[in-house]
PDB file of N, CA and C in Angstrom:
ATOM      1  N   MET A   1     -17.211  -3.411  81.795  1.00  0.00           N
ATOM      2  CA  MET A   1     -17.507  -4.649  82.482  1.00  0.00           C
ATOM      3  C   MET A   1     -16.598  -5.733  81.910  1.00  0.00           C
ATOM      4  N   LEU A   2     -15.821  -6.360  82.750  1.00  0.00           N
ATOM      5  CA  LEU A   2     -14.937  -7.422  82.309  1.00  0.00           C
ATOM      6  C   LEU A   2     -15.711  -8.724  82.180  1.00  0.00           C
ATOM      7  N   TYR A   3     -15.436  -9.449  81.105  1.00  0.00           N
ATOM      8  CA  TYR A   3     -16.104 -10.724  80.912  1.00  0.00           C
ATOM      9  C   TYR A   3     -15.194 -11.674  80.148  1.00  0.00           C
ATOM     10  N   GLU A   4     -15.552 -12.929  80.211  1.00  0.00           N
ATOM     11  CA  GLU A   4     -14.838 -13.979  79.485  1.00  0.00           C
ATOM     12  C   GLU A   4     -15.883 -14.816  78.761  1.00  0.00           C
ATOM     13  N   THR A   5     -15.569 -15.235  77.542  1.00  0.00           N
ATOM     14  CA  THR A   5     -16.468 -16.131  76.831  1.00  0.00           C
ATOM     15  C   THR A   5     -15.837 -17.513  76.756  1.00  0.00           C
ATOM     16  N   ILE A   6     -16.658 -18.515  76.970  1.00  0.00           N
ATOM     17  CA  ILE A   6     -16.211 -19.901  76.919  1.00  0.00           C
ATOM     18  C   ILE A   6     -17.143 -20.642  75.971  1.00  0.00           C
ATOM     19  N   VAL A   7     -16.603 -21.117  74.859  1.00  0.00           N
ATOM     20  CA  VAL A   7     -17.408 -21.880  73.906  1.00  0.00           C
ATOM     21  C   VAL A   7     -17.578 -23.290  74.462  1.00  0.00           C
ATOM     22  N   THR A   8     -18.813 -23.654  74.793  1.00  0.00           N
ATOM     23  CA  THR A   8     -19.070 -24.982  75.356  1.00  0.00           C
ATOM     24  C   THR A   8     -19.500 -25.984  74.288  1.00  0.00           C
ATOM     25  N   THR A   9     -20.075 -25.498  73.203  1.00  0.00           N
ATOM     26  CA  THR A   9     -20.389 -26.333  72.046  1.00  0.00           C
ATOM     27  C   THR A   9     -19.936 -25.570  70.813  1.00  0.00           C
ATOM     28  N   ALA A  10     -18.900 -26.073  70.178  1.00  0.00           N
ATOM     29  CA  ALA A  10     -18.305 -25.388  69.032  1.00  0.00           C
ATOM     30  C   ALA A  10     -19.186 -25.527  67.788  1.00  0.00           C
ATOM     31  N   ALA A  11     -18.865 -24.737  66.795  1.00  0.00           N
ATOM     32  CA  ALA A  11     -19.576 -24.780  65.524  1.00  0.00           C
ATOM     33  C   ALA A  11     -19.469 -26.170  64.906  1.00  0.00           C
ATOM     34  N   THR A  12     -20.565 -26.638  64.341  1.00  0.00           N
ATOM     35  CA  THR A  12     -20.552 -27.939  63.676  1.00  0.00           C
ATOM     36  C   THR A  12     -20.502 -27.805  62.164  1.00  0.00           C
ATOM     37  N   ILE A  13     -20.758 -26.607  61.674  1.00  0.00           N
ATOM     38  CA  ILE A  13     -20.644 -26.334  60.243  1.00  0.00           C
ATOM     39  C   ILE A  13     -19.863 -25.040  60.072  1.00  0.00           C
ATOM     40  N   GLU A  14     -19.327 -24.842  58.906  1.00  0.00           N
ATOM     41  CA  GLU A  14     -18.602 -23.615  58.594  1.00  0.00           C
ATOM     42  C   GLU A  14     -19.449 -22.760  57.656  1.00  0.00           C
ATOM     43  N   PRO A  15     -19.254 -21.449  57.676  1.00  0.00           N
ATOM     44  CA  PRO A  15     -20.037 -20.577  56.799  1.00  0.00           C
ATOM     45  C   PRO A  15     -19.635 -20.683  55.329  1.00  0.00           C
ATOM     46  N   VAL A  16     -18.489 -21.288  55.068  1.00  0.00           N
ATOM     47  CA  VAL A  16     -18.003 -21.490  53.699  1.00  0.00           C
ATOM     48  C   VAL A  16     -17.724 -22.979  53.534  1.00  0.00           C
ATOM     49  N   THR A  17     -18.223 -23.573  52.465  1.00  0.00           N
ATOM     50  CA  THR A  17     -17.969 -24.995  52.229  1.00  0.00           C
ATOM     51  C   THR A  17     -16.599 -25.190  51.590  1.00  0.00           C
ATOM     52  N   LEU A  18     -16.121 -26.421  51.650  1.00  0.00           N
ATOM     53  CA  LEU A  18     -14.861 -26.764  50.995  1.00  0.00           C
ATOM     54  C   LEU A  18     -14.954 -26.482  49.501  1.00  0.00           C
ATOM     55  N   ALA A  19     -16.067 -26.835  48.883  1.00  0.00           N
ATOM     56  CA  ALA A  19     -16.242 -26.605  47.443  1.00  0.00           C
ATOM     57  C   ALA A  19     -16.177 -25.116  47.111  1.00  0.00           C
ATOM     58  N   GLU A  20     -16.820 -24.280  47.929  1.00  0.00           N
ATOM     59  CA  GLU A  20     -16.781 -22.830  47.689  1.00  0.00           C
ATOM     60  C   GLU A  20     -15.369 -22.287  47.830  1.00  0.00           C
ATOM     61  N   ALA A  21     -14.654 -22.735  48.847  1.00  0.00           N
ATOM     62  CA  ALA A  21     -13.275 -22.273  49.044  1.00  0.00           C
ATOM     63  C   ALA A  21     -12.384 -22.717  47.897  1.00  0.00           C
ATOM     64  N   LYS A  22     -12.539 -23.961  47.458  1.00  0.00           N
ATOM     65  CA  LYS A  22     -11.716 -24.459  46.349  1.00  0.00           C
ATOM     66  C   LYS A  22     -12.012 -23.699  45.060  1.00  0.00           C
ATOM     67  N   THR A  23     -13.267 -23.360  44.834  1.00  0.00           N
ATOM     68  CA  THR A  23     -13.615 -22.562  43.652  1.00  0.00           C
ATOM     69  C   THR A  23     -12.949 -21.194  43.729  1.00  0.00           C
ATOM     70  N   GLN A  24     -13.035 -20.552  44.879  1.00  0.00           N
ATOM     71  CA  GLN A  24     -12.414 -19.234  45.061  1.00  0.00           C
ATOM     72  C   GLN A  24     -10.904 -19.300  44.875  1.00  0.00           C
ATOM     73  N   LEU A  25     -10.288 -20.369  45.373  1.00  0.00           N
ATOM     74  CA  LEU A  25      -8.829 -20.523  45.290  1.00  0.00           C
ATOM     75  C   LEU A  25      -8.366 -21.140  43.974  1.00  0.00           C
ATOM     76  N   ARG A  26      -9.321 -21.512  43.141  1.00  0.00           N
ATOM     77  CA  ARG A  26      -9.024 -22.145  41.847  1.00  0.00           C
ATOM     78  C   ARG A  26      -8.208 -23.435  42.024  1.00  0.00           C
ATOM     79  N   ILE A  27      -8.669 -24.273  42.943  1.00  0.00           N
ATOM     80  CA  ILE A  27      -8.035 -25.566  43.201  1.00  0.00           C
ATOM     81  C   ILE A  27      -8.937 -26.651  42.619  1.00  0.00           C
ATOM     82  N   ASP A  28      -8.379 -27.477  41.743  1.00  0.00           N
ATOM     83  CA  ASP A  28      -9.154 -28.530  41.088  1.00  0.00           C
ATOM     84  C   ASP A  28      -8.967 -29.909  41.713  1.00  0.00           C
ATOM     85  N   SER A  29      -7.838 -30.155  42.344  1.00  0.00           N
ATOM     86  CA  SER A  29      -7.565 -31.483  42.898  1.00  0.00           C
ATOM     87  C   SER A  29      -8.041 -31.569  44.345  1.00  0.00           C
ATOM     88  N   SER A  30      -8.024 -32.782  44.882  1.00  0.00           N
ATOM     89  CA  SER A  30      -8.424 -32.985  46.272  1.00  0.00           C
ATOM     90  C   SER A  30      -7.218 -33.191  47.186  1.00  0.00           C
ATOM     91  N   VAL A  31      -6.024 -32.993  46.662  1.00  0.00           N
ATOM     92  CA  VAL A  31      -4.796 -33.216  47.428  1.00  0.00           C
ATOM     93  C   VAL A  31      -4.746 -32.324  48.670  1.00  0.00           C
ATOM     94  N   GLU A  32      -5.204 -31.097  48.560  1.00  0.00           N
ATOM     95  CA  GLU A  32      -5.116 -30.130  49.656  1.00  0.00           C
ATOM     96  C   GLU A  32      -6.425 -29.958  50.431  1.00  0.00           C
ATOM     97  N   ASP A  33      -7.368 -30.876  50.281  1.00  0.00           N
ATOM     98  CA  ASP A  33      -8.678 -30.722  50.925  1.00  0.00           C
ATOM     99  C   ASP A  33      -8.587 -30.557  52.444  1.00  0.00           C
ATOM    100  N   ASP A  34      -7.799 -31.385  53.100  1.00  0.00           N
ATOM    101  CA  ASP A  34      -7.673 -31.274  54.559  1.00  0.00           C
ATOM    102  C   ASP A  34      -7.099 -29.918  54.961  1.00  0.00           C
ATOM    103  N   TYR A  35      -6.112 -29.457  54.220  1.00  0.00           N
ATOM    104  CA  TYR A  35      -5.474 -28.173  54.516  1.00  0.00           C
ATOM    105  C   TYR A  35      -6.457 -27.020  54.300  1.00  0.00           C
ATOM    106  N   VAL A  36      -7.162 -27.034  53.184  1.00  0.00           N
ATOM    107  CA  VAL A  36      -8.123 -25.962  52.894  1.00  0.00           C
ATOM    108  C   VAL A  36      -9.247 -25.974  53.933  1.00  0.00           C
ATOM    109  N   THR A  37      -9.699 -27.150  54.330  1.00  0.00           N
ATOM    110  CA  THR A  37     -10.731 -27.254  55.364  1.00  0.00           C
ATOM    111  C   THR A  37     -10.252 -26.634  56.671  1.00  0.00           C
ATOM    112  N   SER A  38      -9.008 -26.892  57.032  1.00  0.00           N
ATOM    113  CA  SER A  38      -8.472 -26.297  58.267  1.00  0.00           C
ATOM    114  C   SER A  38      -8.357 -24.782  58.145  1.00  0.00           C
ATOM    115  N   LEU A  39      -8.031 -24.294  56.951  1.00  0.00           N
ATOM    116  CA  LEU A  39      -7.948 -22.843  56.743  1.00  0.00           C
ATOM    117  C   LEU A  39      -9.310 -22.175  56.894  1.00  0.00           C
ATOM    118  N   ILE A  40     -10.360 -22.841  56.464  1.00  0.00           N
ATOM    119  CA  ILE A  40     -11.714 -22.299  56.610  1.00  0.00           C
ATOM    120  C   ILE A  40     -12.032 -22.092  58.090  1.00  0.00           C
ATOM    121  N   THR A  41     -11.722 -23.092  58.904  1.00  0.00           N
ATOM    122  CA  THR A  41     -11.988 -23.002  60.343  1.00  0.00           C
ATOM    123  C   THR A  41     -11.163 -21.902  60.993  1.00  0.00           C
ATOM    124  N   VAL A  42      -9.887 -21.841  60.657  1.00  0.00           N
ATOM    125  CA  VAL A  42      -9.008 -20.811  61.228  1.00  0.00           C
ATOM    126  C   VAL A  42      -9.481 -19.421  60.810  1.00  0.00           C
ATOM    127  N   ALA A  43      -9.855 -19.265  59.545  1.00  0.00           N
ATOM    128  CA  ALA A  43     -10.317 -17.962  59.056  1.00  0.00           C
ATOM    129  C   ALA A  43     -11.592 -17.531  59.775  1.00  0.00           C
ATOM    130  N   ARG A  44     -12.548 -18.462  59.936  1.00  0.00           N
ATOM    131  CA  ARG A  44     -13.785 -18.123  60.649  1.00  0.00           C
ATOM    132  C   ARG A  44     -13.483 -17.697  62.075  1.00  0.00           C
ATOM    133  N   ASP A  45     -12.632 -18.459  62.740  1.00  0.00           N
ATOM    134  CA  ASP A  45     -12.284 -18.150  64.127  1.00  0.00           C
ATOM    135  C   ASP A  45     -11.650 -16.765  64.249  1.00  0.00           C
ATOM    136  N   ARG A  46     -10.723 -16.449  63.380  1.00  0.00           N
ATOM    137  CA  ARG A  46     -10.052 -15.134  63.425  1.00  0.00           C
ATOM    138  C   ARG A  46     -11.032 -13.997  63.148  1.00  0.00           C
ATOM    139  N   ILE A  47     -11.896 -14.194  62.174  1.00  0.00           N
ATOM    140  CA  ILE A  47     -12.866 -13.149  61.838  1.00  0.00           C
ATOM    141  C   ILE A  47     -13.854 -12.956  62.987  1.00  0.00           C
ATOM    142  N   GLU A  48     -14.276 -14.058  63.621  1.00  0.00           N
ATOM    143  CA  GLU A  48     -15.169 -13.941  64.775  1.00  0.00           C
ATOM    144  C   GLU A  48     -14.505 -13.155  65.897  1.00  0.00           C
ATOM    145  N   GLN A  49     -13.239 -13.422  66.154  1.00  0.00           N
ATOM    146  CA  GLN A  49     -12.516 -12.680  67.194  1.00  0.00           C
ATOM    147  C   GLN A  49     -12.419 -11.200  66.834  1.00  0.00           C
ATOM    148  N   HIS A  50     -12.092 -10.919  65.595  1.00  0.00           N
ATOM    149  CA  HIS A  50     -11.932  -9.527  65.158  1.00  0.00           C
ATOM    150  C   HIS A  50     -13.259  -8.760  65.227  1.00  0.00           C
ATOM    151  N   CYS A  51     -14.336  -9.403  64.823  1.00  0.00           N
ATOM    152  CA  CYS A  51     -15.647  -8.745  64.781  1.00  0.00           C
ATOM    153  C   CYS A  51     -16.417  -8.841  66.098  1.00  0.00           C
ATOM    154  N   ASN A  52     -15.903  -9.637  67.053  1.00  0.00           N
ATOM    155  CA  ASN A  52     -16.572  -9.861  68.335  1.00  0.00           C
ATOM    156  C   ASN A  52     -17.999 -10.368  68.142  1.00  0.00           C
ATOM    157  N   ARG A  53     -18.135 -11.362  67.279  1.00  0.00           N
ATOM    158  CA  ARG A  53     -19.424 -12.000  67.035  1.00  0.00           C
ATOM    159  C   ARG A  53     -19.196 -13.391  66.480  1.00  0.00           C
ATOM    160  N   TYR A  54     -20.248 -14.212  66.506  1.00  0.00           N
ATOM    161  CA  TYR A  54     -20.170 -15.571  65.977  1.00  0.00           C
ATOM    162  C   TYR A  54     -20.964 -15.642  64.683  1.00  0.00           C
ATOM    163  N   PHE A  55     -20.422 -16.328  63.690  1.00  0.00           N
ATOM    164  CA  PHE A  55     -21.074 -16.431  62.389  1.00  0.00           C
ATOM    165  C   PHE A  55     -21.740 -17.782  62.170  1.00  0.00           C
ATOM    166  N   THR A  56     -21.595 -18.694  63.108  1.00  0.00           N
ATOM    167  CA  THR A  56     -22.265 -19.989  63.064  1.00  0.00           C
ATOM    168  C   THR A  56     -22.861 -20.247  64.442  1.00  0.00           C
ATOM    169  N   ALA A  57     -23.812 -21.159  64.506  1.00  0.00           N
ATOM    170  CA  ALA A  57     -24.444 -21.475  65.789  1.00  0.00           C
ATOM    171  C   ALA A  57     -23.435 -22.133  66.727  1.00  0.00           C
ATOM    172  N   GLN A  58     -23.333 -21.589  67.931  1.00  0.00           N
ATOM    173  CA  GLN A  58     -22.448 -22.120  68.958  1.00  0.00           C
ATOM    174  C   GLN A  58     -23.100 -21.874  70.311  1.00  0.00           C
ATOM    175  N   VAL A  59     -22.714 -22.670  71.291  1.00  0.00           N
ATOM    176  CA  VAL A  59     -23.179 -22.439  72.658  1.00  0.00           C
ATOM    177  C   VAL A  59     -22.018 -21.818  73.418  1.00  0.00           C
ATOM    178  N   VAL A  60     -22.284 -20.653  74.005  1.00  0.00           N
ATOM    179  CA  VAL A  60     -21.226 -19.882  74.655  1.00  0.00           C
ATOM    180  C   VAL A  60     -21.663 -19.502  76.065  1.00  0.00           C
ATOM    181  N   ASP A  61     -20.779 -19.723  77.028  1.00  0.00           N
ATOM    182  CA  ASP A  61     -20.985 -19.199  78.377  1.00  0.00           C
ATOM    183  C   ASP A  61     -20.288 -17.851  78.453  1.00  0.00           C
ATOM    184  N   ILE A  62     -20.971 -16.865  79.006  1.00  0.00           N
ATOM    185  CA  ILE A  62     -20.372 -15.547  79.210  1.00  0.00           C
ATOM    186  C   ILE A  62     -20.255 -15.349  80.715  1.00  0.00           C
ATOM    187  N   VAL A  63     -19.038 -15.175  81.189  1.00  0.00           N
ATOM    188  CA  VAL A  63     -18.776 -15.016  82.614  1.00  0.00           C
ATOM    189  C   VAL A  63     -18.381 -13.565  82.856  1.00  0.00           C
ATOM    190  N   TYR A  64     -19.166 -12.857  83.660  1.00  0.00           N
ATOM    191  CA  TYR A  64     -18.866 -11.466  83.996  1.00  0.00           C
ATOM    192  C   TYR A  64     -18.099 -11.423  85.311  1.00  0.00           C
ATOM    193  N   TYR A  65     -17.065 -10.602  85.353  1.00  0.00           N
ATOM    194  CA  TYR A  65     -16.248 -10.475  86.559  1.00  0.00           C
ATOM    195  C   TYR A  65     -16.520  -9.143  87.241  1.00  0.00           C
ATOM    196  N   SER A  66     -17.745  -8.945  87.651  1.00  0.00           N
ATOM    197  CA  SER A  66     -18.118  -7.733  88.377  1.00  0.00           C
ATOM    198  C   SER A  66     -19.481  -7.964  89.011  1.00  0.00           C
ATOM    199  N   THR A  67     -19.922  -7.016  89.799  1.00  0.00           N
ATOM    200  CA  THR A  67     -21.254  -7.111  90.376  1.00  0.00           C
ATOM    201  C   THR A  67     -22.270  -6.746  89.313  1.00  0.00           C
ATOM    202  N   PHE A  68     -23.514  -7.068  89.597  1.00  0.00           N
ATOM    203  CA  PHE A  68     -24.556  -6.706  88.652  1.00  0.00           C
ATOM    204  C   PHE A  68     -24.623  -5.188  88.527  1.00  0.00           C
ATOM    205  N   PRO A  69     -24.970  -4.688  87.361  1.00  0.00           N
ATOM    206  CA  PRO A  69     -25.183  -3.244  87.231  1.00  0.00           C
ATOM    207  C   PRO A  69     -26.278  -2.796  88.197  1.00  0.00           C
ATOM    208  N   LEU A  70     -26.123  -1.652  88.739  1.00  0.00           N
ATOM    209  CA  LEU A  70     -27.071  -1.042  89.675  1.00  0.00           C
ATOM    210  C   LEU A  70     -27.138  -1.756  91.012  1.00  0.00           C
ATOM    211  N   GLY A  71     -26.317  -2.774  91.221  1.00  0.00           N
ATOM    212  CA  GLY A  71     -26.168  -3.352  92.539  1.00  0.00           C
ATOM    213  C   GLY A  71     -27.019  -4.536  92.933  1.00  0.00           C
ATOM    214  N   THR A  72     -28.241  -4.658  92.443  1.00  0.00           N
ATOM    215  CA  THR A  72     -29.067  -5.786  92.868  1.00  0.00           C
ATOM    216  C   THR A  72     -29.620  -6.525  91.667  1.00  0.00           C
ATOM    217  N   ILE A  73     -29.920  -7.778  91.878  1.00  0.00           N
ATOM    218  CA  ILE A  73     -30.427  -8.607  90.792  1.00  0.00           C
ATOM    219  C   ILE A  73     -31.789  -8.127  90.299  1.00  0.00           C
ATOM    220  N   THR A  74     -32.606  -7.540  91.167  1.00  0.00           N
ATOM    221  CA  THR A  74     -33.933  -7.102  90.744  1.00  0.00           C
ATOM    222  C   THR A  74     -33.870  -5.885  89.834  1.00  0.00           C
ATOM    223  N   GLN A  75     -32.770  -5.145  89.883  1.00  0.00           N
ATOM    224  CA  GLN A  75     -32.620  -3.961  89.040  1.00  0.00           C
ATOM    225  C   GLN A  75     -31.660  -4.199  87.882  1.00  0.00           C
ATOM    226  N   ALA A  76     -31.095  -5.374  87.787  1.00  0.00           N
ATOM    227  CA  ALA A  76     -29.986  -5.614  86.873  1.00  0.00           C
ATOM    228  C   ALA A  76     -30.408  -5.645  85.414  1.00  0.00           C
ATOM    229  N   ALA A  77     -29.503  -5.167  84.600  1.00  0.00           N
ATOM    230  CA  ALA A  77     -29.609  -5.320  83.155  1.00  0.00           C
ATOM    231  C   ALA A  77     -28.282  -5.903  82.698  1.00  0.00           C
ATOM    232  N   ILE A  78     -28.331  -7.057  82.095  1.00  0.00           N
ATOM    233  CA  ILE A  78     -27.111  -7.694  81.617  1.00  0.00           C
ATOM    234  C   ILE A  78     -27.055  -7.499  80.114  1.00  0.00           C
ATOM    235  N   VAL A  79     -26.055  -6.797  79.669  1.00  0.00           N
ATOM    236  CA  VAL A  79     -25.885  -6.552  78.250  1.00  0.00           C
ATOM    237  C   VAL A  79     -24.969  -7.635  77.698  1.00  0.00           C
ATOM    238  N   VAL A  80     -25.478  -8.396  76.754  1.00  0.00           N
ATOM    239  CA  VAL A  80     -24.694  -9.466  76.143  1.00  0.00           C
ATOM    240  C   VAL A  80     -23.840  -8.854  75.039  1.00  0.00           C
ATOM    241  N   PRO A  81     -22.539  -9.145  75.049  1.00  0.00           N
ATOM    242  CA  PRO A  81     -21.622  -8.456  74.144  1.00  0.00           C
ATOM    243  C   PRO A  81     -21.600  -8.967  72.707  1.00  0.00           C
ATOM    244  N   PHE A  82     -22.611  -9.705  72.296  1.00  0.00           N
ATOM    245  CA  PHE A  82     -22.619 -10.239  70.935  1.00  0.00           C
ATOM    246  C   PHE A  82     -23.933  -9.915  70.248  1.00  0.00           C
ATOM    247  N   PRO A  83     -23.870  -9.425  69.015  1.00  0.00           N
ATOM    248  CA  PRO A  83     -25.109  -9.205  68.268  1.00  0.00           C
ATOM    249  C   PRO A  83     -25.668 -10.539  67.776  1.00  0.00           C
ATOM    250  N   ASP A  84     -26.908 -10.532  67.384  1.00  0.00           N
ATOM    251  CA  ASP A  84     -27.568 -11.699  66.793  1.00  0.00           C
ATOM    252  C   ASP A  84     -27.656 -12.895  67.730  1.00  0.00           C
ATOM    253  N   LEU A  85     -27.830 -12.649  68.997  1.00  0.00           N
ATOM    254  CA  LEU A  85     -28.033 -13.728  69.958  1.00  0.00           C
ATOM    255  C   LEU A  85     -29.368 -14.392  69.638  1.00  0.00           C
ATOM    256  N   SER A  86     -29.396 -15.719  69.562  1.00  0.00           N
ATOM    257  CA  SER A  86     -30.631 -16.400  69.171  1.00  0.00           C
ATOM    258  C   SER A  86     -31.413 -16.974  70.344  1.00  0.00           C
ATOM    259  N   ALA A  87     -30.748 -17.258  71.467  1.00  0.00           N
ATOM    260  CA  ALA A  87     -31.450 -17.838  72.612  1.00  0.00           C
ATOM    261  C   ALA A  87     -30.617 -17.688  73.873  1.00  0.00           C
ATOM    262  N   VAL A  88     -31.304 -17.734  75.007  1.00  0.00           N
ATOM    263  CA  VAL A  88     -30.641 -17.759  76.311  1.00  0.00           C
ATOM    264  C   VAL A  88     -31.070 -19.054  76.984  1.00  0.00           C
ATOM    265  N   ASP A  89     -30.111 -19.923  77.288  1.00  0.00           N
ATOM    266  CA  ASP A  89     -30.426 -21.200  77.938  1.00  0.00           C
ATOM    267  C   ASP A  89     -30.648 -21.031  79.432  1.00  0.00           C
ATOM    268  N   SER A  90     -29.827 -20.200  80.078  1.00  0.00           N
ATOM    269  CA  SER A  90     -29.995 -19.979  81.509  1.00  0.00           C
ATOM    270  C   SER A  90     -29.226 -18.737  81.939  1.00  0.00           C
ATOM    271  N   VAL A  91     -29.627 -18.207  83.089  1.00  0.00           N
ATOM    272  CA  VAL A  91     -28.933 -17.083  83.707  1.00  0.00           C
ATOM    273  C   VAL A  91     -28.683 -17.476  85.156  1.00  0.00           C
ATOM    274  N   SER A  92     -27.443 -17.352  85.589  1.00  0.00           N
ATOM    275  CA  SER A  92     -27.111 -17.668  86.978  1.00  0.00           C
ATOM    276  C   SER A  92     -26.029 -16.715  87.455  1.00  0.00           C
ATOM    277  N   TYR A  93     -25.861 -16.668  88.761  1.00  0.00           N
ATOM    278  CA  TYR A  93     -24.796 -15.850  89.334  1.00  0.00           C
ATOM    279  C   TYR A  93     -24.292 -16.516  90.602  1.00  0.00           C
ATOM    280  N   THR A  94     -23.119 -16.105  91.039  1.00  0.00           N
ATOM    281  CA  THR A  94     -22.539 -16.616  92.278  1.00  0.00           C
ATOM    282  C   THR A  94     -22.728 -15.559  93.349  1.00  0.00           C
ATOM    283  N   ASP A  95     -23.388 -15.929  94.435  1.00  0.00           N
ATOM    284  CA  ASP A  95     -23.636 -14.948  95.492  1.00  0.00           C
ATOM    285  C   ASP A  95     -22.376 -14.728  96.331  1.00  0.00           C
ATOM    286  N   THR A  96     -22.481 -13.852  97.317  1.00  0.00           N
ATOM    287  CA  THR A  96     -21.307 -13.480  98.116  1.00  0.00           C
ATOM    288  C   THR A  96     -20.757 -14.626  98.944  1.00  0.00           C
ATOM    289  N   GLU A  97     -21.539 -15.682  99.123  1.00  0.00           N
ATOM    290  CA  GLU A  97     -21.070 -16.840  99.883  1.00  0.00           C
ATOM    291  C   GLU A  97     -20.598 -17.971  98.986  1.00  0.00           C
ATOM    292  N   GLY A  98     -20.580 -17.728  97.669  1.00  0.00           N
ATOM    293  CA  GLY A  98     -20.070 -18.722  96.729  1.00  0.00           C
ATOM    294  C   GLY A  98     -21.103 -19.677  96.174  1.00  0.00           C
ATOM    295  N   ALA A  99     -22.362 -19.497  96.521  1.00  0.00           N
ATOM    296  CA  ALA A  99     -23.417 -20.375  96.008  1.00  0.00           C
ATOM    297  C   ALA A  99     -23.855 -19.903  94.625  1.00  0.00           C
ATOM    298  N   ILE A 100     -24.069 -20.849  93.719  1.00  0.00           N
ATOM    299  CA  ILE A 100     -24.551 -20.514  92.379  1.00  0.00           C
ATOM    300  C   ILE A 100     -26.071 -20.443  92.428  1.00  0.00           C
ATOM    301  N   ILE A 101     -26.596 -19.295  92.053  1.00  0.00           N
ATOM    302  CA  ILE A 101     -28.036 -19.055  92.059  1.00  0.00           C
ATOM    303  C   ILE A 101     -28.506 -19.019  90.607  1.00  0.00           C
ATOM    304  N   VAL A 102     -29.423 -19.910  90.256  1.00  0.00           N
ATOM    305  CA  VAL A 102     -29.995 -19.942  88.909  1.00  0.00           C
ATOM    306  C   VAL A 102     -31.279 -19.126  88.933  1.00  0.00           C
ATOM    307  N   ILE A 103     -31.386 -18.195  88.009  1.00  0.00           N
ATOM    308  CA  ILE A 103     -32.563 -17.335  87.929  1.00  0.00           C
ATOM    309  C   ILE A 103     -33.603 -18.026  87.045  1.00  0.00           C
ATOM    310  N   ALA A 104     -34.819 -18.134  87.539  1.00  0.00           N
ATOM    311  CA  ALA A 104     -35.894 -18.772  86.773  1.00  0.00           C
ATOM    312  C   ALA A 104     -36.136 -18.004  85.484  1.00  0.00           C
ATOM    313  N   ASP A 105     -36.430 -18.726  84.419  1.00  0.00           N
ATOM    314  CA  ASP A 105     -36.630 -18.056  83.135  1.00  0.00           C
ATOM    315  C   ASP A 105     -37.858 -17.152  83.125  1.00  0.00           C
ATOM    316  N   THR A 106     -38.708 -17.269  84.127  1.00  0.00           N
ATOM    317  CA  THR A 106     -39.847 -16.363  84.249  1.00  0.00           C
ATOM    318  C   THR A 106     -39.441 -15.029  84.864  1.00  0.00           C
ATOM    319  N   GLU A 107     -38.215 -14.946  85.369  1.00  0.00           N
ATOM    320  CA  GLU A 107     -37.739 -13.746  86.056  1.00  0.00           C
ATOM    321  C   GLU A 107     -36.887 -12.834  85.176  1.00  0.00           C
ATOM    322  N   TYR A 108     -36.680 -13.206  83.928  1.00  0.00           N
ATOM    323  CA  TYR A 108     -35.907 -12.340  83.037  1.00  0.00           C
ATOM    324  C   TYR A 108     -36.510 -12.366  81.642  1.00  0.00           C
ATOM    325  N   THR A 109     -36.180 -11.352  80.882  1.00  0.00           N
ATOM    326  CA  THR A 109     -36.644 -11.289  79.498  1.00  0.00           C
ATOM    327  C   THR A 109     -35.448 -11.300  78.573  1.00  0.00           C
ATOM    328  N   PHE A 110     -35.677 -11.782  77.399  1.00  0.00           N
ATOM    329  CA  PHE A 110     -34.647 -11.862  76.367  1.00  0.00           C
ATOM    330  C   PHE A 110     -35.163 -11.107  75.159  1.00  0.00           C
ATOM    331  N   ASN A 111     -34.419 -10.108  74.746  1.00  0.00           N
ATOM    332  CA  ASN A 111     -34.815  -9.292  73.602  1.00  0.00           C
ATOM    333  C   ASN A 111     -33.828  -9.507  72.462  1.00  0.00           C
ATOM    334  N   PRO A 112     -34.142 -10.439  71.540  1.00  0.00           N
ATOM    335  CA  PRO A 112     -33.196 -10.717  70.444  1.00  0.00           C
ATOM    336  C   PRO A 112     -33.052  -9.551  69.492  1.00  0.00           C
TER     337      PRO A 112
END
């Protein structure tokens, strides 16, 4: 199943603090703080891509480019490609006429 992920709300914190990174790198001065901070973000992003998962809270839209499995919405099972999903804000699809149909949260289950 082909899909695309779109981060709509990026991470607001990093899994490693500047102080932790500086300790690991044995850096005592603050001259390189901006650079080390940027490296933390780049490293997290690369690791998330490699592992196909997110290590910090983010809001992500997942867009599938195919029909629902088994053909109809009443029989569909949507497998989310990321482990440790914490919540589902909404589920919607585009029908054959281009209308976006939002599925009521009472019509689907979320199994974290």
